[in-house]
Amino acid sequence: MRVLVVEDFEVLARSIGTGLQREGMAVDVVLDGTAALDRLAATRYDVVILDRDLPGVHGDEICRRLAHGRCESRVLMLTASGTIEDRVAGLGLGADDYLPKPFAFAELVARVRALARRATPPLPPTLTWGDLTLDPARRTVSRAGRRLELSPREFALLECLLAVPGLVVSAEELLERVWDEAADPFTSAVKHTVHRLRVKLGDPPVIETVREGGYRVGPS
């Protein structure tokens, strides 16, 4: 999934971003409201983690604009104030969830995953193709009953393909969904990751390259 972290306290922002990346998410981090609006205009995010008290453009205004524009991104609002009144106000602005600081990182991850499930069409608990099984919740992949060890990006790329079996997913879309803003659009990272995945998945081949199209799992 693609996540935008908007938090003006840089140490916290970077910590959240690094932690979510370790959970296999593609994460962009910005430190003020103006930069957040620029990112949201250019990129589709599954979840926006939004601090309420931001410089530039206030978090309330960002939330209001997202709701008014019917943005499909789900918003998890963060704030130092955890009163009932503040929570009600944040949800009233259009936030989908509300988490007061300080918070446990495990709870943040659980809330982000829950919001991401609501941001996209629901998927089955496990994704399968033949003897290949991917469990998004447990972050496990197995083939013919044998557990496979995948990197976070290998896992995320395979999850993207298994979510739409038979359909072609372009390298550009995979780069947007699995990598973050620092990724070079002309990089061969997708190609190399697919190659490593093929080696780990073994035979018969699971991922097909579609000339001038992208990649897919299974026949069209």
N, C-alpha and C. Protein backbone atom coordinates (compact mmCIF):
# COMPACT_ATOMS: atom_id res chain seq x y z
N MET A 1 0.83 -1.19 0.00
CA MET A 1 0.00 0.00 0.00
C MET A 1 0.87 1.24 0.00
N ARG A 2 0.32 2.37 -0.42
CA ARG A 2 1.05 3.64 -0.48
C ARG A 2 0.51 4.55 0.62
N VAL A 3 1.42 5.07 1.45
CA VAL A 3 1.05 5.86 2.62
C VAL A 3 1.78 7.20 2.58
N LEU A 4 1.05 8.27 2.92
CA LEU A 4 1.66 9.58 3.08
C LEU A 4 1.65 9.94 4.56
N VAL A 5 2.81 10.26 5.11
CA VAL A 5 2.93 10.70 6.51
C VAL A 5 3.13 12.21 6.51
N VAL A 6 2.22 12.92 7.18
CA VAL A 6 2.29 14.38 7.27
C VAL A 6 2.43 14.74 8.75
N GLU A 7 3.63 15.11 9.15
CA GLU A 7 3.93 15.35 10.56
C GLU A 7 5.08 16.36 10.63
N ASP A 8 4.90 17.47 11.38
CA ASP A 8 5.92 18.51 11.40
C ASP A 8 7.08 18.22 12.34
N PHE A 9 6.92 17.29 13.26
CA PHE A 9 8.04 16.90 14.13
C PHE A 9 8.85 15.86 13.37
N GLU A 10 9.99 16.29 12.82
CA GLU A 10 10.71 15.47 11.85
C GLU A 10 11.15 14.12 12.42
N VAL A 11 11.61 14.10 13.65
CA VAL A 11 12.08 12.84 14.23
C VAL A 11 10.94 11.82 14.25
N LEU A 12 9.75 12.25 14.67
CA LEU A 12 8.60 11.35 14.70
C LEU A 12 8.19 10.96 13.29
N ALA A 13 8.17 11.94 12.38
CA ALA A 13 7.76 11.66 11.01
C ALA A 13 8.66 10.60 10.37
N ARG A 14 9.98 10.77 10.51
CA ARG A 14 10.91 9.82 9.92
C ARG A 14 10.80 8.46 10.59
N SER A 15 10.57 8.46 11.91
CA SER A 15 10.44 7.20 12.63
C SER A 15 9.22 6.42 12.14
N ILE A 16 8.09 7.12 11.96
CA ILE A 16 6.88 6.46 11.45
C ILE A 16 7.13 5.93 10.05
N GLY A 17 7.75 6.77 9.22
CA GLY A 17 8.01 6.35 7.84
C GLY A 17 8.89 5.12 7.76
N THR A 18 9.97 5.10 8.54
CA THR A 18 10.88 3.95 8.53
C THR A 18 10.17 2.69 9.04
N GLY A 19 9.39 2.84 10.11
CA GLY A 19 8.69 1.69 10.66
C GLY A 19 7.68 1.11 9.69
N LEU A 20 6.94 1.97 8.99
CA LEU A 20 5.95 1.48 8.02
C LEU A 20 6.63 0.83 6.81
N GLN A 21 7.78 1.37 6.41
CA GLN A 21 8.52 0.74 5.32
C GLN A 21 8.95 -0.67 5.70
N ARG A 22 9.33 -0.85 6.95
CA ARG A 22 9.72 -2.19 7.42
C ARG A 22 8.52 -3.14 7.44
N GLU A 23 7.32 -2.56 7.46
CA GLU A 23 6.10 -3.37 7.39
C GLU A 23 5.69 -3.65 5.95
N GLY A 24 6.53 -3.25 5.01
CA GLY A 24 6.26 -3.54 3.60
C GLY A 24 5.44 -2.49 2.87
N MET A 25 5.30 -1.30 3.45
CA MET A 25 4.52 -0.25 2.80
C MET A 25 5.43 0.72 2.07
N ALA A 26 4.90 1.33 1.01
CA ALA A 26 5.59 2.41 0.32
C ALA A 26 5.18 3.72 0.99
N VAL A 27 6.16 4.46 1.50
CA VAL A 27 5.86 5.61 2.36
C VAL A 27 6.56 6.86 1.87
N ASP A 28 5.79 7.97 1.78
CA ASP A 28 6.36 9.29 1.55
C ASP A 28 6.14 10.11 2.81
N VAL A 29 7.10 10.98 3.13
CA VAL A 29 7.03 11.79 4.35
C VAL A 29 7.16 13.26 3.99
N VAL A 30 6.25 14.09 4.49
CA VAL A 30 6.35 15.55 4.35
C VAL A 30 6.15 16.18 5.72
N LEU A 31 6.66 17.42 5.87
CA LEU A 31 6.71 18.03 7.18
C LEU A 31 5.79 19.24 7.35
N ASP A 32 5.01 19.58 6.32
CA ASP A 32 4.08 20.70 6.46
C ASP A 32 2.88 20.49 5.55
N GLY A 33 1.85 21.30 5.80
CA GLY A 33 0.60 21.13 5.08
C GLY A 33 0.68 21.47 3.60
N THR A 34 1.47 22.46 3.24
CA THR A 34 1.60 22.84 1.84
C THR A 34 2.20 21.71 1.02
N ALA A 35 3.28 21.11 1.54
CA ALA A 35 3.90 19.99 0.85
C ALA A 35 2.94 18.80 0.75
N ALA A 36 2.12 18.62 1.77
CA ALA A 36 1.14 17.52 1.77
C ALA A 36 0.15 17.69 0.62
N LEU A 37 -0.36 18.91 0.43
CA LEU A 37 -1.32 19.14 -0.65
C LEU A 37 -0.67 18.92 -2.02
N ASP A 38 0.60 19.30 -2.15
CA ASP A 38 1.30 19.06 -3.41
C ASP A 38 1.41 17.57 -3.69
N ARG A 39 1.75 16.79 -2.66
CA ARG A 39 1.87 15.34 -2.83
C ARG A 39 0.52 14.72 -3.18
N LEU A 40 -0.50 15.15 -2.50
CA LEU A 40 -1.83 14.57 -2.71
C LEU A 40 -2.38 14.90 -4.09
N ALA A 41 -1.94 16.01 -4.65
CA ALA A 41 -2.38 16.37 -6.00
C ALA A 41 -1.69 15.52 -7.06
N ALA A 42 -0.52 14.97 -6.72
CA ALA A 42 0.28 14.25 -7.71
C ALA A 42 0.22 12.74 -7.57
N THR A 43 -0.14 12.24 -6.39
CA THR A 43 -0.02 10.80 -6.12
C THR A 43 -1.28 10.29 -5.43
N ARG A 44 -1.68 9.08 -5.79
CA ARG A 44 -2.83 8.45 -5.12
C ARG A 44 -2.32 7.63 -3.94
N TYR A 45 -2.79 7.97 -2.75
CA TYR A 45 -2.40 7.26 -1.54
C TYR A 45 -3.57 6.45 -1.00
N ASP A 46 -3.26 5.29 -0.44
CA ASP A 46 -4.29 4.50 0.22
C ASP A 46 -4.66 5.12 1.56
N VAL A 47 -3.62 5.55 2.29
CA VAL A 47 -3.83 6.11 3.63
C VAL A 47 -2.97 7.35 3.81
N VAL A 48 -3.54 8.37 4.44
CA VAL A 48 -2.80 9.58 4.82
C VAL A 48 -2.78 9.65 6.35
N ILE A 49 -1.59 9.63 6.93
CA ILE A 49 -1.42 9.83 8.37
C ILE A 49 -1.18 11.32 8.56
N LEU A 50 -2.15 12.01 9.15
CA LEU A 50 -2.18 13.47 9.13
C LEU A 50 -2.13 14.05 10.54
N ASP A 51 -1.04 14.75 10.85
CA ASP A 51 -0.98 15.49 12.10
C ASP A 51 -1.93 16.68 12.01
N ARG A 52 -2.59 17.00 13.09
CA ARG A 52 -3.60 18.06 13.04
C ARG A 52 -2.99 19.45 13.06
N ASP A 53 -1.98 19.65 13.90
CA ASP A 53 -1.39 20.98 14.06
C ASP A 53 -0.15 21.11 13.17
N LEU A 54 -0.38 21.54 11.93
CA LEU A 54 0.69 21.62 10.93
C LEU A 54 1.00 23.08 10.58
N PRO A 55 2.26 23.36 10.25
CA PRO A 55 2.58 24.68 9.68
C PRO A 55 2.15 24.72 8.21
N GLY A 56 2.04 25.93 7.69
CA GLY A 56 1.65 26.07 6.29
C GLY A 56 0.14 26.01 6.15
N VAL A 57 -0.37 24.83 5.91
CA VAL A 57 -1.81 24.59 5.85
C VAL A 57 -2.17 23.67 7.02
N HIS A 58 -3.11 24.07 7.84
CA HIS A 58 -3.49 23.30 9.02
C HIS A 58 -4.07 21.95 8.61
N GLY A 59 -3.85 20.95 9.48
CA GLY A 59 -4.38 19.62 9.20
C GLY A 59 -5.88 19.59 9.03
N ASP A 60 -6.59 20.43 9.77
CA ASP A 60 -8.05 20.48 9.62
C ASP A 60 -8.44 20.89 8.21
N GLU A 61 -7.71 21.86 7.64
CA GLU A 61 -8.03 22.33 6.29
C GLU A 61 -7.71 21.26 5.25
N ILE A 62 -6.61 20.55 5.45
CA ILE A 62 -6.28 19.45 4.52
C ILE A 62 -7.38 18.40 4.55
N CYS A 63 -7.79 18.03 5.74
CA CYS A 63 -8.84 17.02 5.89
C CYS A 63 -10.13 17.50 5.24
N ARG A 64 -10.45 18.76 5.44
CA ARG A 64 -11.67 19.34 4.86
C ARG A 64 -11.60 19.30 3.32
N ARG A 65 -10.46 19.63 2.77
CA ARG A 65 -10.31 19.63 1.30
C ARG A 65 -10.41 18.21 0.73
N LEU A 66 -9.81 17.25 1.42
CA LEU A 66 -9.89 15.87 0.95
C LEU A 66 -11.33 15.38 0.95
N ALA A 67 -12.06 15.70 2.00
CA ALA A 67 -13.45 15.27 2.09
C ALA A 67 -14.29 15.96 1.01
N HIS A 68 -14.06 17.26 0.81
CA HIS A 68 -14.82 18.02 -0.18
C HIS A 68 -14.54 17.51 -1.59
N GLY A 69 -13.27 17.12 -1.85
CA GLY A 69 -12.90 16.63 -3.17
C GLY A 69 -13.19 15.16 -3.37
N ARG A 70 -13.82 14.54 -2.38
CA ARG A 70 -14.16 13.11 -2.45
C ARG A 70 -12.93 12.25 -2.75
N CYS A 71 -11.84 12.60 -2.10
CA CYS A 71 -10.60 11.83 -2.26
C CYS A 71 -10.80 10.44 -1.69
N GLU A 72 -10.27 9.43 -2.39
CA GLU A 72 -10.45 8.05 -1.95
C GLU A 72 -9.46 7.66 -0.85
N SER A 73 -8.46 8.50 -0.59
CA SER A 73 -7.50 8.19 0.47
C SER A 73 -8.19 8.22 1.82
N ARG A 74 -7.83 7.27 2.68
CA ARG A 74 -8.34 7.25 4.04
C ARG A 74 -7.43 8.07 4.95
N VAL A 75 -8.01 8.81 5.85
CA VAL A 75 -7.23 9.72 6.70
C VAL A 75 -7.21 9.25 8.14
N LEU A 76 -5.99 9.06 8.67
CA LEU A 76 -5.79 8.77 10.09
C LEU A 76 -5.21 10.03 10.71
N MET A 77 -5.99 10.70 11.53
CA MET A 77 -5.56 11.97 12.11
C MET A 77 -4.82 11.75 13.43
N LEU A 78 -3.67 12.41 13.57
CA LEU A 78 -2.88 12.36 14.80
C LEU A 78 -2.95 13.70 15.51
N THR A 79 -2.97 13.69 16.81
CA THR A 79 -2.95 14.94 17.56
C THR A 79 -2.44 14.69 18.97
N ALA A 80 -1.88 15.74 19.55
CA ALA A 80 -1.41 15.64 20.94
C ALA A 80 -2.57 15.68 21.92
N SER A 81 -3.73 16.13 21.46
CA SER A 81 -4.90 16.22 22.33
C SER A 81 -5.81 15.02 22.09
N GLY A 82 -6.16 14.34 23.18
CA GLY A 82 -6.98 13.15 23.03
C GLY A 82 -8.35 13.25 23.65
N THR A 83 -8.84 14.48 23.82
CA THR A 83 -10.16 14.64 24.43
C THR A 83 -11.26 14.16 23.48
N ILE A 84 -12.38 13.80 24.05
CA ILE A 84 -13.52 13.37 23.23
C ILE A 84 -13.93 14.46 22.26
N GLU A 85 -13.91 15.71 22.71
CA GLU A 85 -14.31 16.82 21.85
C GLU A 85 -13.42 16.91 20.63
N ASP A 86 -12.11 16.76 20.82
CA ASP A 86 -11.18 16.83 19.69
C ASP A 86 -11.38 15.66 18.74
N ARG A 87 -11.62 14.49 19.28
CA ARG A 87 -11.84 13.33 18.41
C ARG A 87 -13.10 13.53 17.57
N VAL A 88 -14.15 13.99 18.21
CA VAL A 88 -15.41 14.22 17.48
C VAL A 88 -15.20 15.29 16.40
N ALA A 89 -14.45 16.34 16.73
CA ALA A 89 -14.20 17.40 15.76
C ALA A 89 -13.41 16.87 14.57
N GLY A 90 -12.38 16.07 14.84
CA GLY A 90 -11.56 15.52 13.76
C GLY A 90 -12.36 14.62 12.84
N LEU A 91 -13.17 13.75 13.42
CA LEU A 91 -14.01 12.87 12.61
C LEU A 91 -15.05 13.67 11.84
N GLY A 92 -15.52 14.75 12.46
CA GLY A 92 -16.50 15.60 11.78
C GLY A 92 -15.93 16.30 10.57
N LEU A 93 -14.62 16.53 10.55
CA LEU A 93 -13.97 17.18 9.41
C LEU A 93 -13.80 16.23 8.22
N GLY A 94 -13.97 14.93 8.48
CA GLY A 94 -13.83 13.96 7.41
C GLY A 94 -12.77 12.91 7.64
N ALA A 95 -12.08 12.97 8.79
CA ALA A 95 -11.10 11.93 9.09
C ALA A 95 -11.80 10.57 9.25
N ASP A 96 -11.11 9.52 8.85
CA ASP A 96 -11.68 8.18 8.97
C ASP A 96 -11.34 7.52 10.30
N ASP A 97 -10.26 7.99 10.92
CA ASP A 97 -9.87 7.44 12.22
C ASP A 97 -9.03 8.51 12.92
N TYR A 98 -8.84 8.31 14.22
CA TYR A 98 -8.23 9.34 15.06
C TYR A 98 -7.35 8.65 16.09
N LEU A 99 -6.09 9.07 16.20
CA LEU A 99 -5.17 8.43 17.13
C LEU A 99 -4.42 9.51 17.93
N PRO A 100 -4.67 9.58 19.24
CA PRO A 100 -3.98 10.59 20.06
C PRO A 100 -2.53 10.19 20.33
N LYS A 101 -1.67 11.19 20.46
CA LYS A 101 -0.27 10.96 20.85
C LYS A 101 -0.18 11.00 22.37
N PRO A 102 0.74 10.23 22.95
CA PRO A 102 1.60 9.23 22.31
C PRO A 102 0.81 7.96 22.00
N PHE A 103 1.30 7.18 21.06
CA PHE A 103 0.60 5.97 20.67
C PHE A 103 1.59 4.82 20.52
N ALA A 104 1.08 3.61 20.59
CA ALA A 104 1.91 2.42 20.36
C ALA A 104 2.02 2.21 18.86
N PHE A 105 3.23 1.97 18.38
CA PHE A 105 3.43 1.82 16.94
C PHE A 105 2.62 0.65 16.38
N ALA A 106 2.52 -0.42 17.14
CA ALA A 106 1.75 -1.59 16.68
C ALA A 106 0.29 -1.21 16.42
N GLU A 107 -0.25 -0.32 17.26
CA GLU A 107 -1.63 0.13 17.04
C GLU A 107 -1.73 0.98 15.79
N LEU A 108 -0.73 1.84 15.57
CA LEU A 108 -0.72 2.65 14.35
C LEU A 108 -0.74 1.76 13.11
N VAL A 109 0.11 0.74 13.08
CA VAL A 109 0.17 -0.17 11.94
C VAL A 109 -1.17 -0.86 11.73
N ALA A 110 -1.78 -1.33 12.83
CA ALA A 110 -3.07 -2.02 12.71
C ALA A 110 -4.14 -1.09 12.16
N ARG A 111 -4.15 0.15 12.60
CA ARG A 111 -5.14 1.11 12.11
C ARG A 111 -4.91 1.46 10.63
N VAL A 112 -3.64 1.60 10.24
CA VAL A 112 -3.33 1.89 8.84
C VAL A 112 -3.78 0.74 7.95
N ARG A 113 -3.50 -0.48 8.36
CA ARG A 113 -3.92 -1.64 7.55
C ARG A 113 -5.44 -1.72 7.47
N ALA A 114 -6.12 -1.45 8.56
CA ALA A 114 -7.58 -1.48 8.55
C ALA A 114 -8.15 -0.42 7.60
N LEU A 115 -7.56 0.78 7.62
CA LEU A 115 -8.02 1.84 6.73
C LEU A 115 -7.73 1.50 5.27
N ALA A 116 -6.58 0.90 5.01
CA ALA A 116 -6.24 0.53 3.63
C ALA A 116 -7.22 -0.49 3.07
N ARG A 117 -7.69 -1.39 3.92
CA ARG A 117 -8.68 -2.37 3.45
C ARG A 117 -9.98 -1.68 3.04
N ARG A 118 -10.29 -0.57 3.69
CA ARG A 118 -11.50 0.17 3.36
C ARG A 118 -11.29 1.07 2.15
N ALA A 119 -10.03 1.38 1.82
CA ALA A 119 -9.74 2.28 0.70
C ALA A 119 -9.76 1.56 -0.63
N THR A 120 -9.69 0.24 -0.61
CA THR A 120 -9.65 -0.54 -1.84
C THR A 120 -10.72 -1.62 -1.79
N PRO A 121 -11.11 -2.18 -2.95
CA PRO A 121 -12.07 -3.28 -2.93
C PRO A 121 -11.56 -4.41 -2.05
N PRO A 122 -12.44 -5.01 -1.24
CA PRO A 122 -11.99 -6.04 -0.31
C PRO A 122 -11.40 -7.24 -1.04
N LEU A 123 -10.32 -7.76 -0.48
CA LEU A 123 -9.67 -8.95 -1.02
C LEU A 123 -9.92 -10.12 -0.08
N PRO A 124 -9.82 -11.34 -0.61
CA PRO A 124 -9.96 -12.50 0.27
C PRO A 124 -8.84 -12.54 1.31
N PRO A 125 -9.04 -13.27 2.42
CA PRO A 125 -8.02 -13.32 3.48
C PRO A 125 -6.67 -13.79 2.98
N THR A 126 -6.65 -14.69 2.00
CA THR A 126 -5.40 -15.13 1.39
C THR A 126 -5.53 -15.03 -0.12
N LEU A 127 -4.42 -14.73 -0.78
CA LEU A 127 -4.38 -14.65 -2.24
C LEU A 127 -3.68 -15.90 -2.75
N THR A 128 -4.29 -16.59 -3.70
CA THR A 128 -3.73 -17.84 -4.18
C THR A 128 -3.69 -17.87 -5.70
N TRP A 129 -2.73 -18.62 -6.20
CA TRP A 129 -2.66 -18.94 -7.63
C TRP A 129 -2.01 -20.31 -7.73
N GLY A 130 -2.80 -21.30 -8.09
CA GLY A 130 -2.28 -22.67 -8.11
C GLY A 130 -1.83 -23.08 -6.73
N ASP A 131 -0.57 -23.48 -6.62
CA ASP A 131 -0.03 -23.92 -5.32
C ASP A 131 0.67 -22.80 -4.57
N LEU A 132 0.49 -21.56 -5.05
CA LEU A 132 1.11 -20.39 -4.41
C LEU A 132 0.08 -19.69 -3.53
N THR A 133 0.46 -19.41 -2.27
CA THR A 133 -0.45 -18.75 -1.32
C THR A 133 0.25 -17.59 -0.65
N LEU A 134 -0.41 -16.44 -0.64
CA LEU A 134 0.11 -15.25 0.04
C LEU A 134 -0.92 -14.81 1.08
N ASP A 135 -0.45 -14.64 2.31
CA ASP A 135 -1.31 -14.20 3.42
C ASP A 135 -0.93 -12.78 3.80
N PRO A 136 -1.73 -11.77 3.40
CA PRO A 136 -1.37 -10.38 3.69
C PRO A 136 -1.29 -10.07 5.19
N ALA A 137 -2.17 -10.67 5.98
CA ALA A 137 -2.20 -10.37 7.41
C ALA A 137 -0.97 -10.92 8.12
N ARG A 138 -0.61 -12.14 7.81
CA ARG A 138 0.55 -12.77 8.47
C ARG A 138 1.86 -12.47 7.75
N ARG A 139 1.78 -11.83 6.58
CA ARG A 139 2.97 -11.49 5.80
C ARG A 139 3.77 -12.73 5.45
N THR A 140 3.08 -13.77 5.00
CA THR A 140 3.75 -15.02 4.65
C THR A 140 3.40 -15.41 3.22
N VAL A 141 4.33 -16.12 2.60
CA VAL A 141 4.14 -16.68 1.26
C VAL A 141 4.63 -18.12 1.26
N SER A 142 3.86 -19.00 0.65
CA SER A 142 4.29 -20.39 0.55
C SER A 142 3.93 -20.93 -0.83
N ARG A 143 4.71 -21.91 -1.26
CA ARG A 143 4.40 -22.58 -2.52
C ARG A 143 4.54 -24.08 -2.31
N ALA A 144 3.45 -24.77 -2.65
CA ALA A 144 3.39 -26.22 -2.45
C ALA A 144 3.71 -26.56 -0.99
N GLY A 145 3.25 -25.71 -0.07
CA GLY A 145 3.44 -25.96 1.35
C GLY A 145 4.78 -25.53 1.89
N ARG A 146 5.66 -25.01 1.03
CA ARG A 146 6.99 -24.60 1.48
C ARG A 146 7.04 -23.09 1.68
N ARG A 147 7.44 -22.67 2.85
CA ARG A 147 7.52 -21.24 3.19
C ARG A 147 8.63 -20.57 2.39
N LEU A 148 8.33 -19.41 1.81
CA LEU A 148 9.30 -18.65 1.04
C LEU A 148 9.66 -17.37 1.79
N GLU A 149 10.93 -17.04 1.80
CA GLU A 149 11.39 -15.83 2.47
C GLU A 149 11.54 -14.72 1.43
N LEU A 150 10.66 -13.72 1.51
CA LEU A 150 10.69 -12.61 0.57
C LEU A 150 11.02 -11.31 1.29
N SER A 151 11.67 -10.41 0.57
CA SER A 151 11.91 -9.06 1.12
C SER A 151 10.58 -8.31 1.12
N PRO A 152 10.48 -7.21 1.89
CA PRO A 152 9.24 -6.44 1.90
C PRO A 152 8.78 -6.00 0.51
N ARG A 153 9.70 -5.59 -0.35
CA ARG A 153 9.31 -5.14 -1.69
C ARG A 153 8.93 -6.32 -2.58
N GLU A 154 9.61 -7.43 -2.44
CA GLU A 154 9.21 -8.62 -3.20
C GLU A 154 7.80 -9.05 -2.80
N PHE A 155 7.54 -9.02 -1.50
CA PHE A 155 6.21 -9.39 -1.00
C PHE A 155 5.15 -8.44 -1.55
N ALA A 156 5.42 -7.12 -1.47
CA ALA A 156 4.44 -6.12 -1.92
C ALA A 156 4.18 -6.23 -3.41
N LEU A 157 5.23 -6.47 -4.19
CA LEU A 157 5.05 -6.60 -5.64
C LEU A 157 4.21 -7.83 -5.97
N LEU A 158 4.51 -8.94 -5.33
CA LEU A 158 3.73 -10.16 -5.56
C LEU A 158 2.29 -9.97 -5.13
N GLU A 159 2.07 -9.28 -4.03
CA GLU A 159 0.71 -9.02 -3.56
C GLU A 159 -0.07 -8.20 -4.59
N CYS A 160 0.59 -7.19 -5.19
CA CYS A 160 -0.07 -6.38 -6.22
C CYS A 160 -0.51 -7.24 -7.40
N LEU A 161 0.32 -8.16 -7.82
CA LEU A 161 0.00 -9.00 -8.98
C LEU A 161 -1.07 -10.04 -8.64
N LEU A 162 -0.98 -10.64 -7.47
CA LEU A 162 -1.96 -11.65 -7.08
C LEU A 162 -3.34 -11.05 -6.81
N ALA A 163 -3.38 -9.76 -6.51
CA ALA A 163 -4.67 -9.11 -6.25
C ALA A 163 -5.50 -8.98 -7.52
N VAL A 164 -4.84 -9.03 -8.68
CA VAL A 164 -5.56 -8.91 -9.97
C VAL A 164 -5.09 -10.01 -10.92
N PRO A 165 -5.31 -11.27 -10.59
CA PRO A 165 -4.81 -12.37 -11.41
C PRO A 165 -5.31 -12.27 -12.85
N GLY A 166 -4.38 -12.49 -13.78
CA GLY A 166 -4.74 -12.45 -15.19
C GLY A 166 -4.67 -11.08 -15.81
N LEU A 167 -4.63 -10.02 -14.99
CA LEU A 167 -4.57 -8.66 -15.50
C LEU A 167 -3.13 -8.16 -15.52
N VAL A 168 -2.83 -7.35 -16.53
CA VAL A 168 -1.48 -6.80 -16.66
C VAL A 168 -1.33 -5.57 -15.78
N VAL A 169 -0.24 -5.54 -15.01
CA VAL A 169 0.09 -4.38 -14.19
C VAL A 169 1.39 -3.80 -14.73
N SER A 170 1.36 -2.53 -15.11
CA SER A 170 2.54 -1.92 -15.72
C SER A 170 3.66 -1.74 -14.70
N ALA A 171 4.88 -1.64 -15.21
CA ALA A 171 6.03 -1.40 -14.33
C ALA A 171 5.88 -0.06 -13.63
N GLU A 172 5.28 0.93 -14.33
CA GLU A 172 5.08 2.25 -13.72
C GLU A 172 4.14 2.17 -12.53
N GLU A 173 3.06 1.39 -12.66
CA GLU A 173 2.11 1.26 -11.55
C GLU A 173 2.74 0.51 -10.39
N LEU A 174 3.51 -0.52 -10.68
CA LEU A 174 4.19 -1.26 -9.61
C LEU A 174 5.18 -0.34 -8.89
N LEU A 175 5.88 0.50 -9.64
CA LEU A 175 6.83 1.42 -9.03
C LEU A 175 6.11 2.39 -8.10
N GLU A 176 4.92 2.84 -8.51
CA GLU A 176 4.16 3.78 -7.68
C GLU A 176 3.60 3.12 -6.44
N ARG A 177 3.15 1.86 -6.57
CA ARG A 177 2.49 1.19 -5.45
C ARG A 177 3.46 0.60 -4.44
N VAL A 178 4.66 0.20 -4.91
CA VAL A 178 5.57 -0.56 -4.05
C VAL A 178 6.75 0.28 -3.56
N TRP A 179 7.18 1.25 -4.37
CA TRP A 179 8.31 2.10 -3.99
C TRP A 179 7.79 3.45 -3.51
N ASP A 180 8.69 4.33 -3.08
CA ASP A 180 8.26 5.64 -2.59
C ASP A 180 8.72 6.73 -3.55
N GLU A 181 8.57 7.99 -3.12
CA GLU A 181 8.85 9.12 -3.99
C GLU A 181 10.31 9.22 -4.40
N ALA A 182 11.20 8.58 -3.64
CA ALA A 182 12.63 8.65 -3.95
C ALA A 182 13.01 7.76 -5.12
N ALA A 183 12.09 6.90 -5.57
CA ALA A 183 12.40 5.97 -6.65
C ALA A 183 12.54 6.72 -7.97
N ASP A 184 13.59 6.40 -8.70
CA ASP A 184 13.81 6.98 -10.02
C ASP A 184 12.83 6.35 -11.01
N PRO A 185 12.01 7.17 -11.72
CA PRO A 185 11.05 6.59 -12.66
C PRO A 185 11.69 5.82 -13.80
N PHE A 186 12.98 6.01 -14.02
CA PHE A 186 13.68 5.30 -15.08
C PHE A 186 14.50 4.13 -14.55
N THR A 187 14.29 3.81 -13.28
CA THR A 187 15.06 2.74 -12.67
C THR A 187 14.63 1.37 -13.20
N SER A 188 15.51 0.40 -13.05
CA SER A 188 15.18 -0.98 -13.41
C SER A 188 14.86 -1.80 -12.17
N ALA A 189 14.48 -1.10 -11.07
CA ALA A 189 14.21 -1.79 -9.81
C ALA A 189 13.09 -2.81 -9.95
N VAL A 190 12.03 -2.47 -10.69
CA VAL A 190 10.91 -3.42 -10.86
C VAL A 190 11.41 -4.67 -11.57
N LYS A 191 12.14 -4.49 -12.64
CA LYS A 191 12.66 -5.62 -13.41
C LYS A 191 13.53 -6.53 -12.54
N HIS A 192 14.42 -5.94 -11.75
CA HIS A 192 15.31 -6.74 -10.91
C HIS A 192 14.52 -7.45 -9.80
N THR A 193 13.51 -6.77 -9.23
CA THR A 193 12.71 -7.39 -8.18
C THR A 193 11.91 -8.56 -8.73
N VAL A 194 11.35 -8.40 -9.93
CA VAL A 194 10.62 -9.50 -10.57
C VAL A 194 11.55 -10.68 -10.81
N HIS A 195 12.77 -10.39 -11.24
CA HIS A 195 13.74 -11.47 -11.48
C HIS A 195 14.01 -12.25 -10.19
N ARG A 196 14.24 -11.53 -9.09
CA ARG A 196 14.49 -12.21 -7.81
C ARG A 196 13.28 -13.02 -7.38
N LEU A 197 12.09 -12.48 -7.60
CA LEU A 197 10.87 -13.19 -7.24
C LEU A 197 10.77 -14.49 -8.03
N ARG A 198 11.04 -14.44 -9.31
CA ARG A 198 10.95 -15.64 -10.15
C ARG A 198 11.89 -16.73 -9.66
N VAL A 199 13.07 -16.31 -9.26
CA VAL A 199 14.04 -17.29 -8.74
C VAL A 199 13.49 -17.94 -7.47
N LYS A 200 12.94 -17.14 -6.57
CA LYS A 200 12.44 -17.67 -5.30
C LYS A 200 11.17 -18.49 -5.48
N LEU A 201 10.32 -18.11 -6.44
CA LEU A 201 9.06 -18.83 -6.65
C LEU A 201 9.29 -20.16 -7.36
N GLY A 202 10.35 -20.26 -8.15
CA GLY A 202 10.68 -21.52 -8.81
C GLY A 202 9.76 -21.84 -9.98
N ASP A 203 9.79 -23.11 -10.39
CA ASP A 203 9.00 -23.58 -11.53
C ASP A 203 7.78 -24.36 -11.07
N PRO A 204 6.72 -24.38 -11.89
CA PRO A 204 6.58 -23.64 -13.15
C PRO A 204 6.45 -22.15 -12.89
N PRO A 205 6.82 -21.32 -13.89
CA PRO A 205 6.81 -19.87 -13.70
C PRO A 205 5.42 -19.34 -13.33
N VAL A 206 5.40 -18.33 -12.48
CA VAL A 206 4.14 -17.72 -12.03
C VAL A 206 3.94 -16.36 -12.67
N ILE A 207 5.00 -15.57 -12.77
CA ILE A 207 4.91 -14.20 -13.27
C ILE A 207 5.29 -14.16 -14.74
N GLU A 208 4.40 -13.62 -15.54
CA GLU A 208 4.63 -13.51 -16.98
C GLU A 208 4.93 -12.06 -17.35
N THR A 209 5.90 -11.87 -18.23
CA THR A 209 6.19 -10.54 -18.76
C THR A 209 5.36 -10.33 -20.03
N VAL A 210 4.63 -9.24 -20.06
CA VAL A 210 3.82 -8.90 -21.23
C VAL A 210 4.54 -7.79 -21.98
N ARG A 211 4.95 -8.05 -23.20
CA ARG A 211 5.75 -7.11 -23.97
C ARG A 211 5.05 -5.76 -24.08
N GLU A 212 5.78 -4.69 -23.71
CA GLU A 212 5.29 -3.31 -23.76
C GLU A 212 4.03 -3.12 -22.90
N GLY A 213 3.81 -4.04 -21.98
CA GLY A 213 2.62 -3.92 -21.12
C GLY A 213 2.96 -3.90 -19.64
N GLY A 214 3.70 -4.91 -19.19
CA GLY A 214 4.02 -5.01 -17.78
C GLY A 214 4.14 -6.46 -17.36
N TYR A 215 3.50 -6.81 -16.25
CA TYR A 215 3.59 -8.15 -15.69
C TYR A 215 2.22 -8.62 -15.24
N ARG A 216 2.04 -9.95 -15.21
CA ARG A 216 0.80 -10.51 -14.69
C ARG A 216 1.06 -11.90 -14.14
N VAL A 217 0.15 -12.31 -13.29
CA VAL A 217 0.15 -13.68 -12.76
C VAL A 217 -0.91 -14.44 -13.51
N GLY A 218 -0.53 -15.53 -14.16
CA GLY A 218 -1.51 -16.35 -14.86
C GLY A 218 -1.89 -15.80 -16.21
N PRO A 219 -2.64 -16.57 -16.97
CA PRO A 219 -3.05 -16.15 -18.32
C PRO A 219 -4.08 -15.06 -18.29
N SER A 220 -4.23 -14.36 -19.40
CA SER A 220 -5.24 -13.31 -19.53
C SER A 220 -6.61 -13.92 -19.67
